[in-house]
Protein backbone atom coordinates (compact mmCIF):
# COMPACT_ATOMS: atom_id res chain seq x y z
CA MET A 1 39.55 -116.83 -21.61
CA ALA A 2 35.48 -117.50 -22.18
CA ARG A 3 33.34 -114.99 -21.70
CA TYR A 4 29.95 -113.20 -23.46
CA THR A 5 30.80 -111.50 -26.68
CA GLY A 6 26.76 -111.16 -27.46
CA ALA A 7 24.79 -107.92 -27.54
CA VAL A 8 24.92 -105.95 -23.96
CA CYS A 9 21.93 -104.52 -23.84
CA ARG A 10 19.84 -107.28 -24.96
CA LEU A 11 20.62 -108.52 -21.35
CA CYS A 12 19.21 -105.72 -19.56
CA ARG A 13 16.33 -106.03 -21.29
CA ARG A 14 15.44 -109.19 -20.85
CA GLU A 15 16.08 -108.75 -16.93
CA GLY A 16 13.71 -106.01 -17.25
CA GLN A 17 15.84 -103.62 -15.39
CA LYS A 18 19.52 -101.47 -16.03
CA LEU A 19 22.21 -104.09 -15.30
CA PHE A 20 24.55 -100.54 -15.80
CA LEU A 21 27.01 -103.02 -18.20
CA LYS A 22 28.01 -99.98 -20.45
CA GLY A 23 29.19 -97.29 -18.32
CA GLU A 24 27.86 -94.29 -18.98
CA ARG A 25 25.74 -94.85 -21.39
CA CYS A 26 23.18 -97.08 -19.04
CA TYR A 27 22.76 -92.98 -17.34
CA SER A 28 21.86 -91.63 -20.57
CA GLY A 29 18.68 -91.68 -23.28
CA LYS A 30 20.50 -93.99 -25.36
CA CYS A 31 19.87 -96.95 -22.94
CA ALA A 32 18.18 -99.60 -23.85
CA ILE A 33 16.03 -99.93 -20.94
CA SER A 34 14.60 -96.07 -21.49
CA ARG A 35 13.70 -97.03 -25.08
CA ARG A 36 12.27 -100.25 -24.83
CA SER A 37 11.39 -101.62 -21.40
CA TYR A 38 10.42 -105.07 -23.03
CA ALA A 39 12.60 -108.15 -23.63
CA PRO A 40 13.84 -108.83 -26.99
CA GLY A 41 12.84 -111.25 -29.56
CA GLN A 42 9.19 -111.60 -31.13
CA HIS A 43 7.13 -112.49 -27.89
CA GLY A 44 9.39 -110.09 -26.08
CA GLN A 45 6.13 -107.82 -24.95
CA ALA A 46 3.97 -110.81 -24.33
CA ARG A 47 2.87 -111.03 -20.76
CA LYS A 48 4.94 -113.31 -18.47
CA LYS A 49 3.91 -115.44 -15.19
CA TYR A 50 7.20 -117.15 -14.02
CA SER A 51 6.71 -120.67 -12.39
CA GLU A 52 9.06 -120.44 -9.01
CA TYR A 53 11.70 -122.50 -11.22
CA GLY A 54 11.64 -119.19 -13.38
CA LEU A 55 11.73 -116.83 -10.53
CA GLN A 56 14.67 -118.76 -9.75
CA LEU A 57 16.46 -118.92 -12.70
CA ARG A 58 15.63 -115.11 -13.33
CA ALA A 59 17.53 -114.32 -10.23
CA LYS A 60 20.42 -116.38 -11.20
CA GLN A 61 20.93 -115.40 -14.36
CA LYS A 62 20.45 -111.24 -13.12
CA ALA A 63 23.25 -112.23 -10.78
CA ARG A 64 25.43 -113.71 -13.43
CA ARG A 65 25.10 -110.83 -16.04
CA TYR A 66 25.70 -108.34 -13.09
CA TYR A 67 29.07 -109.75 -12.74
CA GLY A 68 29.93 -110.98 -16.08
CA VAL A 69 30.04 -114.66 -15.36
CA LEU A 70 29.50 -117.44 -17.23
CA GLU A 71 27.29 -120.44 -15.92
CA LYS A 72 30.26 -122.91 -15.51
CA GLN A 73 32.00 -120.36 -13.21
CA PHE A 74 29.07 -118.96 -11.65
CA ALA A 75 28.49 -122.89 -10.44
CA HIS A 76 31.89 -122.92 -8.92
CA TYR A 77 31.21 -120.00 -6.83
CA PHE A 78 28.22 -121.69 -5.17
CA ASP A 79 30.19 -124.72 -4.47
CA LEU A 80 33.34 -122.32 -2.37
CA ALA A 81 30.44 -120.22 -0.51
CA THR A 82 28.53 -123.93 0.38
CA LYS A 83 31.87 -124.70 1.66
CA ILE A 84 31.99 -121.46 4.28
CA LYS A 85 31.21 -122.62 7.18
CA GLU A 86 29.79 -118.93 8.63
CA GLY A 87 27.10 -116.60 7.39
CA LYS A 88 23.93 -117.27 4.88
CA LYS A 89 25.31 -119.35 1.56
CA GLY A 90 23.83 -116.71 -0.70
CA GLU A 91 25.23 -113.99 0.86
CA ASN A 92 28.46 -115.69 0.83
CA LEU A 93 28.10 -116.10 -3.08
CA LEU A 94 27.37 -112.49 -3.44
CA ALA A 95 30.86 -111.85 -1.28
CA ILE A 96 32.53 -114.01 -3.60
CA LEU A 97 31.40 -112.39 -6.34
CA GLU A 98 32.19 -108.83 -5.02
CA SER A 99 35.92 -109.96 -4.87
CA ARG A 100 36.95 -110.74 -8.34
CA LEU A 101 39.49 -107.90 -9.34
CA ASP A 102 37.12 -106.78 -12.18
CA ASN A 103 34.40 -105.82 -9.65
CA VAL A 104 37.07 -104.80 -7.22
CA VAL A 105 38.65 -102.01 -9.88
CA TYR A 106 34.94 -100.98 -10.41
CA ARG A 107 33.95 -100.64 -7.46
CA LEU A 108 36.87 -98.33 -6.72
CA GLY A 109 36.08 -96.43 -9.30
CA TRP A 110 38.70 -97.03 -11.63
CA ALA A 111 36.74 -98.09 -14.37
CA SER A 112 33.09 -97.18 -14.98
CA SER A 113 31.46 -100.54 -16.12
CA ARG A 114 32.54 -104.01 -15.24
CA ALA A 115 33.46 -105.12 -18.39
CA GLU A 116 35.73 -102.57 -18.77
CA ALA A 117 37.35 -103.02 -15.65
CA ARG A 118 37.99 -106.42 -17.02
CA GLN A 119 39.77 -105.11 -20.19
CA LEU A 120 41.75 -103.22 -18.28
CA VAL A 121 42.46 -106.35 -15.99
CA VAL A 122 43.58 -107.91 -19.00
CA HIS A 123 45.94 -105.72 -20.43
CA LYS A 124 47.98 -105.28 -17.19
CA HIS A 125 47.20 -102.13 -15.77
CA PHE A 126 46.60 -103.34 -11.79
CA ASN A 127 48.98 -104.89 -9.17
CA VAL A 128 47.71 -106.95 -6.46
CA ASN A 129 50.20 -106.73 -3.52
CA GLY A 130 53.03 -105.04 -5.63
CA HIS A 131 53.10 -107.97 -8.26
CA LYS A 132 50.96 -107.49 -12.31
CA ALA A 133 47.81 -108.95 -12.30
CA ASN A 134 45.98 -109.59 -15.59
CA ILE A 135 42.82 -112.10 -14.30
CA PRO A 136 39.83 -110.62 -14.23
CA SER A 137 38.50 -113.57 -11.77
CA LEU A 138 41.31 -113.11 -9.17
CA LEU A 139 39.87 -113.30 -5.53
CA VAL A 140 41.43 -110.44 -3.78
CA LYS A 141 41.63 -111.39 -0.25
CA VAL A 142 41.31 -109.23 2.98
CA GLY A 143 44.63 -106.99 3.25
CA ASP A 144 45.47 -107.57 -0.55
CA VAL A 145 46.51 -103.95 -2.04
CA ILE A 146 45.09 -103.38 -5.08
CA SER A 147 46.70 -100.37 -7.14
CA ILE A 148 47.40 -98.80 -10.42
CA ASP A 149 50.53 -99.92 -12.59
CA GLU A 150 52.96 -97.11 -12.06
CA LYS A 151 53.19 -97.33 -16.11
CA SER A 152 49.31 -96.52 -16.49
CA ARG A 153 49.00 -94.10 -13.89
CA ASP A 154 49.88 -91.50 -16.52
CA ASN A 155 47.50 -93.22 -19.42
CA ALA A 156 44.62 -90.48 -20.90
CA LYS A 157 42.08 -93.17 -20.56
CA ILE A 158 42.41 -94.27 -17.03
CA LYS A 159 42.88 -90.76 -15.97
CA SER A 160 39.78 -89.73 -17.56
CA VAL A 161 38.03 -93.06 -16.31
CA ILE A 162 39.19 -91.83 -13.11
CA GLU A 163 37.83 -88.18 -13.14
CA ALA A 164 34.60 -88.99 -14.48
CA ASN A 165 34.06 -91.27 -11.52
CA SER A 166 35.55 -89.62 -9.11
CA SER A 167 32.34 -88.81 -7.45
CA ARG A 168 31.35 -92.44 -6.76
CA ILE A 169 30.87 -93.82 -3.32
CA VAL A 170 33.90 -96.76 -2.27
CA PRO A 171 32.24 -99.36 -0.15
CA LYS A 172 33.34 -99.68 3.34
CA TRP A 173 35.17 -102.94 3.09
CA LEU A 174 37.64 -101.06 0.70
CA GLU A 175 39.77 -98.30 1.72
CA LEU A 176 40.97 -96.12 -0.90
CA ASN A 177 44.29 -93.79 -1.05
CA SER A 178 43.57 -91.57 -4.28
CA GLU A 179 47.18 -89.89 -3.98
CA LYS A 180 48.67 -93.05 -4.15
CA PHE A 181 46.87 -94.69 -6.43
CA GLU A 182 46.04 -97.40 -4.35
CA ALA A 183 43.10 -99.04 -2.01
CA LYS A 184 43.23 -101.87 0.57
CA LYS A 185 40.53 -105.04 1.11
CA LEU A 186 39.81 -104.38 4.88
CA ALA A 187 36.90 -106.75 4.95
CA MET A 188 34.38 -109.60 3.71
CA PRO A 189 31.84 -107.34 1.82
CA ALA A 190 28.78 -107.19 4.13
CA ARG A 191 25.13 -107.74 2.49
CA GLU A 192 24.22 -104.30 3.15
CA ASP A 193 27.31 -103.34 1.19
CA ILE A 194 26.13 -104.67 -2.04
CA ASP A 195 23.99 -102.48 -3.37
CA LEU A 196 22.02 -105.18 -6.16
CA ASP A 197 18.73 -106.20 -7.00
CA VAL A 198 19.40 -110.03 -6.67
CA GLU A 199 17.24 -112.21 -4.74
CA GLU A 200 20.14 -114.56 -3.44
CA THR A 201 17.50 -116.76 -1.38
CA LEU A 202 16.19 -117.96 -4.63
CA ILE A 203 19.63 -118.55 -6.38
CA VAL A 204 20.21 -121.31 -3.64
CA GLU A 205 16.52 -122.57 -3.72
CA LEU A 206 17.51 -122.91 -7.52
CA TYR A 207 21.01 -124.64 -6.72
CA SER A 208 19.57 -126.60 -3.71
CA LYS A 209 17.15 -128.92 -5.94
């Protein structure tokens, strides 16, 4: 299973903003953006003027890094988005990315970051429709029920994460039942439900060339 294994904080510095890739660390004084807000590398502090292509590329890279998706898989999601007859391509792309199991787990507050959610999914801590799921990229469908596996509900790590994220607002396209440790996907997320600073129109322009 391919994934990015480099320094995560470099990605935030490269985009010039917090991508919230390391959970609680992103909210502390240890955040790399708080200490060094310029891009990594010896030319990181130089002023840069982006071309049209450069702006489109940065928009795509930012979206990829938010969701922890590599290039080939991101292109696949764009192909899926173009096949949806209703809605705009860019918004459909974001809706598909939001539907990934690791992202759903993160949105429910069952993980402090998408990277942590990915790890917990791989370790089989969650079920989808009563069956164990260990594929982070699994696309959760409308009507699917996601739950924490019974054996994992007393796991100290998961309990501490859920407690720490108890105040996180769950998006309206998900219905969380905290007492039963389960949630249901009610609908595909709309653009206004996705609180990410991503210019999806630039991504569409990039792939449409």
